Amino acid sequence: MSTRRRFGLLLAALAVPKAWAEAVPPIVGEVRQRLAQEPVLRGSFEQRKSIKGFRNPMVSHGDFVVAHDRGVIWRTQEPFASTLVVTRGRVLTRQADGTVARRLSAADEPAVRAISETLFALMAADLAALGQRFQIEGETSGKDGWRLVLRPRDAALARWLARVDLEGDRYLRTVRLQEASGDQTLIRLSQQAGAASLTAPEGAELD
């Protein structure tokens, strides 16, 4: 399936929000209590994208900033520099020279808000928002450890994404996206540290 086709399925699946009608699973409350609650979180990431039919995964590295009331800045440094900025109202990608490569705005396309909110929720481990679109189950381990499995509630979303696995402790540590096509993305987060506020340049990127 082409990237454009997958994006189309995702857009259709997220266009209409789903109410979280079921009782909130106890595991959600347990994980919330374990997660750190800093307003701003910074760290590094390694992303491995495994595509069905290809032997070696595509690997990228970079750093990120999550501001829970503003959005996410996802800066890829290797193999090619680029920046992804996600807020509740838009998704924007910039090339290394600062040129905007793609901009999706909720003002132009209402479904973009649902997409950006879901991406934001995944990166920020916002379980309340994720529960609106995924069934959540999981378990805790040790003092701080936890693992969650997210399965799409909507059939249209399930045609693109089979499941999401999240693992962590005080911070989200790994995200595994298993697509219905067989492709898989594994993101490992490290060197995470909380802060009280964004820097001026970070705030400007999220404006």
C-alpha atoms as a PDB file:
ATOM      1  CA  MET A   1       0.000   0.000   0.000  1.00  0.00           C
ATOM      2  CA  SER A   2       1.372   3.428  -0.925  1.00  0.00           C
ATOM      3  CA  THR A   3       2.172   6.090   1.681  1.00  0.00           C
ATOM      4  CA  ARG A   4      -0.521   8.324   0.196  1.00  0.00           C
ATOM      5  CA  ARG A   5      -3.100   5.546   0.481  1.00  0.00           C
ATOM      6  CA  ARG A   6      -2.142   4.856   4.110  1.00  0.00           C
ATOM      7  CA  PHE A   7      -2.445   8.542   4.941  1.00  0.00           C
ATOM      8  CA  GLY A   8      -5.876   8.595   3.304  1.00  0.00           C
ATOM      9  CA  LEU A   9      -7.044   5.682   5.452  1.00  0.00           C
ATOM     10  CA  LEU A  10      -5.695   7.370   8.566  1.00  0.00           C
ATOM     11  CA  LEU A  11      -7.439  10.626   7.667  1.00  0.00           C
ATOM     12  CA  ALA A  12     -10.749   8.845   7.158  1.00  0.00           C
ATOM     13  CA  ALA A  13     -10.418   6.806  10.346  1.00  0.00           C
ATOM     14  CA  LEU A  14      -9.687   9.802  12.537  1.00  0.00           C
ATOM     15  CA  ALA A  15     -12.147  12.206  10.955  1.00  0.00           C
ATOM     16  CA  VAL A  16     -14.963  11.424  13.423  1.00  0.00           C
ATOM     17  CA  PRO A  17     -13.987  11.220  17.117  1.00  0.00           C
ATOM     18  CA  LYS A  18     -15.133   8.147  19.039  1.00  0.00           C
ATOM     19  CA  ALA A  19     -16.507   8.485  22.541  1.00  0.00           C
ATOM     20  CA  TRP A  20     -14.804   6.415  25.230  1.00  0.00           C
ATOM     21  CA  ALA A  21     -18.042   4.775  26.279  1.00  0.00           C
ATOM     22  CA  GLU A  22     -16.541   1.838  28.141  1.00  0.00           C
ATOM     23  CA  ALA A  23     -15.354   2.031  31.729  1.00  0.00           C
ATOM     24  CA  VAL A  24     -11.776   3.244  32.031  1.00  0.00           C
ATOM     25  CA  PRO A  25      -9.536   0.183  32.565  1.00  0.00           C
ATOM     26  CA  PRO A  26      -7.843   0.208  35.998  1.00  0.00           C
ATOM     27  CA  ILE A  27      -4.434  -0.132  34.280  1.00  0.00           C
ATOM     28  CA  VAL A  28      -4.861   3.367  32.835  1.00  0.00           C
ATOM     29  CA  GLY A  29      -5.099   4.935  36.267  1.00  0.00           C
ATOM     30  CA  GLU A  30      -2.155   2.893  37.526  1.00  0.00           C
ATOM     31  CA  VAL A  31       0.072   4.005  34.649  1.00  0.00           C
ATOM     32  CA  ARG A  32      -0.980   7.640  35.039  1.00  0.00           C
ATOM     33  CA  GLN A  33       0.214   7.533  38.628  1.00  0.00           C
ATOM     34  CA  ARG A  34       3.600   6.204  37.550  1.00  0.00           C
ATOM     35  CA  LEU A  35       4.241   8.685  34.751  1.00  0.00           C
ATOM     36  CA  ALA A  36       6.170  11.869  35.544  1.00  0.00           C
ATOM     37  CA  GLN A  37       4.083  15.020  35.185  1.00  0.00           C
ATOM     38  CA  GLU A  38       6.644  17.652  34.131  1.00  0.00           C
ATOM     39  CA  PRO A  39       5.181  20.410  31.890  1.00  0.00           C
ATOM     40  CA  VAL A  40       8.030  19.993  29.391  1.00  0.00           C
ATOM     41  CA  LEU A  41       9.994  16.869  28.531  1.00  0.00           C
ATOM     42  CA  ARG A  42      13.153  16.667  26.406  1.00  0.00           C
ATOM     43  CA  GLY A  43      15.042  13.617  25.208  1.00  0.00           C
ATOM     44  CA  SER A  44      16.587  11.653  22.365  1.00  0.00           C
ATOM     45  CA  PHE A  45      15.146   8.990  20.087  1.00  0.00           C
ATOM     46  CA  GLU A  46      16.118   6.152  17.794  1.00  0.00           C
ATOM     47  CA  GLN A  47      13.524   5.107  15.219  1.00  0.00           C
ATOM     48  CA  ARG A  48      13.645   1.843  13.246  1.00  0.00           C
ATOM     49  CA  LYS A  49      11.196   1.445  10.387  1.00  0.00           C
ATOM     50  CA  SER A  50      10.942  -2.153   9.121  1.00  0.00           C
ATOM     51  CA  ILE A  51       9.209  -2.472   5.746  1.00  0.00           C
ATOM     52  CA  LYS A  52       7.856  -5.793   4.592  1.00  0.00           C
ATOM     53  CA  GLY A  53      10.061  -7.217   1.831  1.00  0.00           C
ATOM     54  CA  PHE A  54      13.184  -5.261   2.845  1.00  0.00           C
ATOM     55  CA  ARG A  55      15.930  -6.948   4.841  1.00  0.00           C
ATOM     56  CA  ASN A  56      17.301  -3.955   6.733  1.00  0.00           C
ATOM     57  CA  PRO A  57      15.261  -1.372   8.658  1.00  0.00           C
ATOM     58  CA  MET A  58      15.506   2.352   8.025  1.00  0.00           C
ATOM     59  CA  VAL A  59      17.132   3.875  11.104  1.00  0.00           C
ATOM     60  CA  SER A  60      16.999   7.515  12.174  1.00  0.00           C
ATOM     61  CA  HIS A  61      18.162   9.403  15.267  1.00  0.00           C
ATOM     62  CA  GLY A  62      17.349  12.757  16.784  1.00  0.00           C
ATOM     63  CA  ASP A  63      15.897  14.605  19.743  1.00  0.00           C
ATOM     64  CA  PHE A  64      12.445  15.742  20.818  1.00  0.00           C
ATOM     65  CA  VAL A  65      10.558  18.170  23.007  1.00  0.00           C
ATOM     66  CA  VAL A  66       7.084  17.495  24.424  1.00  0.00           C
ATOM     67  CA  ALA A  67       5.166  20.415  25.936  1.00  0.00           C
ATOM     68  CA  HIS A  68       1.972  18.923  27.345  1.00  0.00           C
ATOM     69  CA  ASP A  69      -0.052  22.113  26.878  1.00  0.00           C
ATOM     70  CA  ARG A  70       1.455  23.123  23.511  1.00  0.00           C
ATOM     71  CA  GLY A  71       2.727  20.338  21.277  1.00  0.00           C
ATOM     72  CA  VAL A  72       5.682  18.207  20.155  1.00  0.00           C
ATOM     73  CA  ILE A  73       8.900  19.069  18.311  1.00  0.00           C
ATOM     74  CA  TRP A  74      10.494  15.966  16.723  1.00  0.00           C
ATOM     75  CA  ARG A  75      13.933  16.769  15.244  1.00  0.00           C
ATOM     76  CA  THR A  76      15.587  14.095  13.108  1.00  0.00           C
ATOM     77  CA  GLN A  77      19.355  14.585  12.865  1.00  0.00           C
ATOM     78  CA  GLU A  78      20.451  11.417  11.026  1.00  0.00           C
ATOM     79  CA  PRO A  79      20.464  10.258   8.289  1.00  0.00           C
ATOM     80  CA  PHE A  80      18.765  13.449   7.033  1.00  0.00           C
ATOM     81  CA  ALA A  81      17.944  16.506   9.079  1.00  0.00           C
ATOM     82  CA  SER A  82      14.277  17.501   9.343  1.00  0.00           C
ATOM     83  CA  THR A  83      11.797  18.700  11.956  1.00  0.00           C
ATOM     84  CA  LEU A  84       8.247  17.569  12.639  1.00  0.00           C
ATOM     85  CA  VAL A  85       6.070  19.940  14.685  1.00  0.00           C
ATOM     86  CA  VAL A  86       2.736  18.634  16.006  1.00  0.00           C
ATOM     87  CA  THR A  87       0.177  20.753  17.844  1.00  0.00           C
ATOM     88  CA  ARG A  88      -3.535  20.156  18.354  1.00  0.00           C
ATOM     89  CA  GLY A  89      -4.276  22.311  15.323  1.00  0.00           C
ATOM     90  CA  ARG A  90      -1.585  21.431  12.800  1.00  0.00           C
ATOM     91  CA  VAL A  91       1.140  19.102  11.600  1.00  0.00           C
ATOM     92  CA  LEU A  92       4.186  20.709   9.997  1.00  0.00           C
ATOM     93  CA  THR A  93       7.478  19.371   8.623  1.00  0.00           C
ATOM     94  CA  ARG A  94      10.573  21.456   7.930  1.00  0.00           C
ATOM     95  CA  GLN A  95      13.704  20.601   5.960  1.00  0.00           C
ATOM     96  CA  ALA A  96      17.210  21.193   7.294  1.00  0.00           C
ATOM     97  CA  ASP A  97      17.292  24.747   5.890  1.00  0.00           C
ATOM     98  CA  GLY A  98      14.057  25.653   7.636  1.00  0.00           C
ATOM     99  CA  THR A  99      11.903  25.425   4.522  1.00  0.00           C
ATOM    100  CA  VAL A 100       8.388  24.146   5.218  1.00  0.00           C
ATOM    101  CA  ALA A 101       8.008  20.854   3.332  1.00  0.00           C
ATOM    102  CA  ARG A 102       4.413  20.116   4.377  1.00  0.00           C
ATOM    103  CA  ARG A 103       1.786  21.888   6.438  1.00  0.00           C
ATOM    104  CA  LEU A 104      -1.571  20.408   7.455  1.00  0.00           C
ATOM    105  CA  SER A 105      -3.899  22.732   9.305  1.00  0.00           C
ATOM    106  CA  ALA A 106      -7.191  22.082  11.074  1.00  0.00           C
ATOM    107  CA  ALA A 107      -8.378  25.441   9.742  1.00  0.00           C
ATOM    108  CA  ASP A 108      -8.200  24.035   6.202  1.00  0.00           C
ATOM    109  CA  GLU A 109      -9.130  20.405   6.907  1.00  0.00           C
ATOM    110  CA  PRO A 110     -11.101  19.565  10.087  1.00  0.00           C
ATOM    111  CA  ALA A 111      -9.829  15.967  10.134  1.00  0.00           C
ATOM    112  CA  VAL A 112      -6.282  17.279  10.627  1.00  0.00           C
ATOM    113  CA  ARG A 113      -7.153  18.162  14.218  1.00  0.00           C
ATOM    114  CA  ALA A 114      -7.997  14.529  14.946  1.00  0.00           C
ATOM    115  CA  ILE A 115      -4.725  13.390  13.329  1.00  0.00           C
ATOM    116  CA  SER A 116      -2.594  15.927  15.183  1.00  0.00           C
ATOM    117  CA  GLU A 117      -4.320  15.193  18.503  1.00  0.00           C
ATOM    118  CA  THR A 118      -3.710  11.448  18.095  1.00  0.00           C
ATOM    119  CA  LEU A 119      -0.032  11.908  17.172  1.00  0.00           C
ATOM    120  CA  PHE A 120       0.354  14.339  20.069  1.00  0.00           C
ATOM    121  CA  ALA A 121      -1.310  11.857  22.438  1.00  0.00           C
ATOM    122  CA  LEU A 122       1.020   9.035  21.391  1.00  0.00           C
ATOM    123  CA  MET A 123       4.169  11.125  21.813  1.00  0.00           C
ATOM    124  CA  ALA A 124       2.997  12.596  25.121  1.00  0.00           C
ATOM    125  CA  ALA A 125       1.542   9.295  26.459  1.00  0.00           C
ATOM    126  CA  ASP A 126      -1.801  11.036  26.951  1.00  0.00           C
ATOM    127  CA  LEU A 127      -3.865   7.993  27.930  1.00  0.00           C
ATOM    128  CA  ALA A 128      -7.169   9.861  28.182  1.00  0.00           C
ATOM    129  CA  ALA A 129      -6.904  11.003  24.567  1.00  0.00           C
ATOM    130  CA  LEU A 130      -5.642   7.627  23.337  1.00  0.00           C
ATOM    131  CA  GLY A 131      -8.543   5.858  25.017  1.00  0.00           C
ATOM    132  CA  GLN A 132     -10.966   7.658  22.713  1.00  0.00           C
ATOM    133  CA  ARG A 133      -9.582   5.794  19.683  1.00  0.00           C
ATOM    134  CA  PHE A 134      -7.972   2.665  21.118  1.00  0.00           C
ATOM    135  CA  GLN A 135      -8.912  -0.145  23.458  1.00  0.00           C
ATOM    136  CA  ILE A 136      -6.253  -0.220  26.158  1.00  0.00           C
ATOM    137  CA  GLU A 137      -4.996  -3.185  28.174  1.00  0.00           C
ATOM    138  CA  GLY A 138      -1.709  -3.891  29.900  1.00  0.00           C
ATOM    139  CA  GLU A 139       0.147  -4.552  33.109  1.00  0.00           C
ATOM    140  CA  THR A 140       2.548  -3.002  35.578  1.00  0.00           C
ATOM    141  CA  SER A 141       5.831  -4.472  36.805  1.00  0.00           C
ATOM    142  CA  GLY A 142       8.208  -3.639  39.633  1.00  0.00           C
ATOM    143  CA  LYS A 143       8.188  -0.216  41.231  1.00  0.00           C
ATOM    144  CA  ASP A 144       7.629   1.914  38.127  1.00  0.00           C
ATOM    145  CA  GLY A 145       7.453  -0.351  35.057  1.00  0.00           C
ATOM    146  CA  TRP A 146       4.397  -0.729  32.825  1.00  0.00           C
ATOM    147  CA  ARG A 147       3.349  -2.007  29.417  1.00  0.00           C
ATOM    148  CA  LEU A 148       0.235  -1.157  27.401  1.00  0.00           C
ATOM    149  CA  VAL A 149      -1.304  -2.627  24.260  1.00  0.00           C
ATOM    150  CA  LEU A 150      -3.539  -0.330  22.189  1.00  0.00           C
ATOM    151  CA  ARG A 151      -5.902  -1.724  19.560  1.00  0.00           C
ATOM    152  CA  PRO A 152      -7.937   0.553  17.266  1.00  0.00           C
ATOM    153  CA  ARG A 153     -11.622   0.890  18.086  1.00  0.00           C
ATOM    154  CA  ASP A 154     -12.486   2.024  14.557  1.00  0.00           C
ATOM    155  CA  ALA A 155     -12.428  -0.456  11.660  1.00  0.00           C
ATOM    156  CA  ALA A 156     -11.077   2.150   9.239  1.00  0.00           C
ATOM    157  CA  LEU A 157      -8.122   2.912  11.507  1.00  0.00           C
ATOM    158  CA  ALA A 158      -7.539  -0.833  11.972  1.00  0.00           C
ATOM    159  CA  ARG A 159      -7.026  -1.203   8.211  1.00  0.00           C
ATOM    160  CA  TRP A 160      -3.913   0.934   8.614  1.00  0.00           C
ATOM    161  CA  LEU A 161      -2.747   0.221  12.167  1.00  0.00           C
ATOM    162  CA  ALA A 162      -3.045  -3.203  13.788  1.00  0.00           C
ATOM    163  CA  ARG A 163      -1.821  -2.282  17.279  1.00  0.00           C
ATOM    164  CA  VAL A 164       0.436  -0.008  19.297  1.00  0.00           C
ATOM    165  CA  ASP A 165       2.664  -1.204  22.140  1.00  0.00           C
ATOM    166  CA  LEU A 166       3.868   1.299  24.736  1.00  0.00           C
ATOM    167  CA  GLU A 167       6.378   0.565  27.494  1.00  0.00           C
ATOM    168  CA  GLY A 168       7.883   2.756  30.149  1.00  0.00           C
ATOM    169  CA  ASP A 169       8.349   3.692  33.777  1.00  0.00           C
ATOM    170  CA  ARG A 170       8.283   7.295  34.944  1.00  0.00           C
ATOM    171  CA  TYR A 171       8.707   8.115  31.252  1.00  0.00           C
ATOM    172  CA  LEU A 172       7.538   6.539  28.015  1.00  0.00           C
ATOM    173  CA  ARG A 173      10.500   4.451  26.806  1.00  0.00           C
ATOM    174  CA  THR A 174       9.382   2.576  23.683  1.00  0.00           C
ATOM    175  CA  VAL A 175       6.635   2.891  21.089  1.00  0.00           C
ATOM    176  CA  ARG A 176       6.006   0.044  18.640  1.00  0.00           C
ATOM    177  CA  LEU A 177       3.590   0.662  15.771  1.00  0.00           C
ATOM    178  CA  GLN A 178       2.468  -2.478  13.969  1.00  0.00           C
ATOM    179  CA  GLU A 179       0.746  -1.662  10.708  1.00  0.00           C
ATOM    180  CA  ALA A 180      -1.859  -3.891   9.111  1.00  0.00           C
ATOM    181  CA  SER A 181       0.436  -4.210   6.079  1.00  0.00           C
ATOM    182  CA  GLY A 182       3.120  -5.927   8.155  1.00  0.00           C
ATOM    183  CA  ASP A 183       5.384  -2.872   8.359  1.00  0.00           C
ATOM    184  CA  GLN A 184       6.600  -1.960  11.833  1.00  0.00           C
ATOM    185  CA  THR A 185       8.102   1.111  13.491  1.00  0.00           C
ATOM    186  CA  LEU A 186      10.026   0.878  16.766  1.00  0.00           C
ATOM    187  CA  ILE A 187      10.873   4.109  18.588  1.00  0.00           C
ATOM    188  CA  ARG A 188      13.177   4.077  21.614  1.00  0.00           C
ATOM    189  CA  LEU A 189      13.253   7.191  23.806  1.00  0.00           C
ATOM    190  CA  SER A 190      16.225   7.971  26.052  1.00  0.00           C
ATOM    191  CA  GLN A 191      18.028  10.698  28.023  1.00  0.00           C
ATOM    192  CA  GLN A 192      14.696  12.152  29.085  1.00  0.00           C
ATOM    193  CA  ALA A 193      14.577  15.086  31.458  1.00  0.00           C
ATOM    194  CA  GLY A 194      11.755  17.299  32.634  1.00  0.00           C
ATOM    195  CA  ALA A 195      11.660  21.097  32.683  1.00  0.00           C
ATOM    196  CA  ALA A 196       9.303  23.797  33.885  1.00  0.00           C
ATOM    197  CA  SER A 197       9.045  25.662  30.582  1.00  0.00           C
ATOM    198  CA  LEU A 198      10.048  25.829  26.926  1.00  0.00           C
ATOM    199  CA  THR A 199      12.960  27.873  25.670  1.00  0.00           C
ATOM    200  CA  ALA A 200      12.114  30.920  23.559  1.00  0.00           C
ATOM    201  CA  PRO A 201      13.079  29.163  20.256  1.00  0.00           C
ATOM    202  CA  GLU A 202      10.998  26.101  21.186  1.00  0.00           C
ATOM    203  CA  GLY A 203       8.009  28.273  21.995  1.00  0.00           C
ATOM    204  CA  ALA A 204       8.358  30.042  18.655  1.00  0.00           C
ATOM    205  CA  GLU A 205       8.300  26.704  16.803  1.00  0.00           C
ATOM    206  CA  LEU A 206       5.037  25.764  18.500  1.00  0.00           C
ATOM    207  CA  ASP A 207       3.310  29.105  17.897  1.00  0.00           C
END
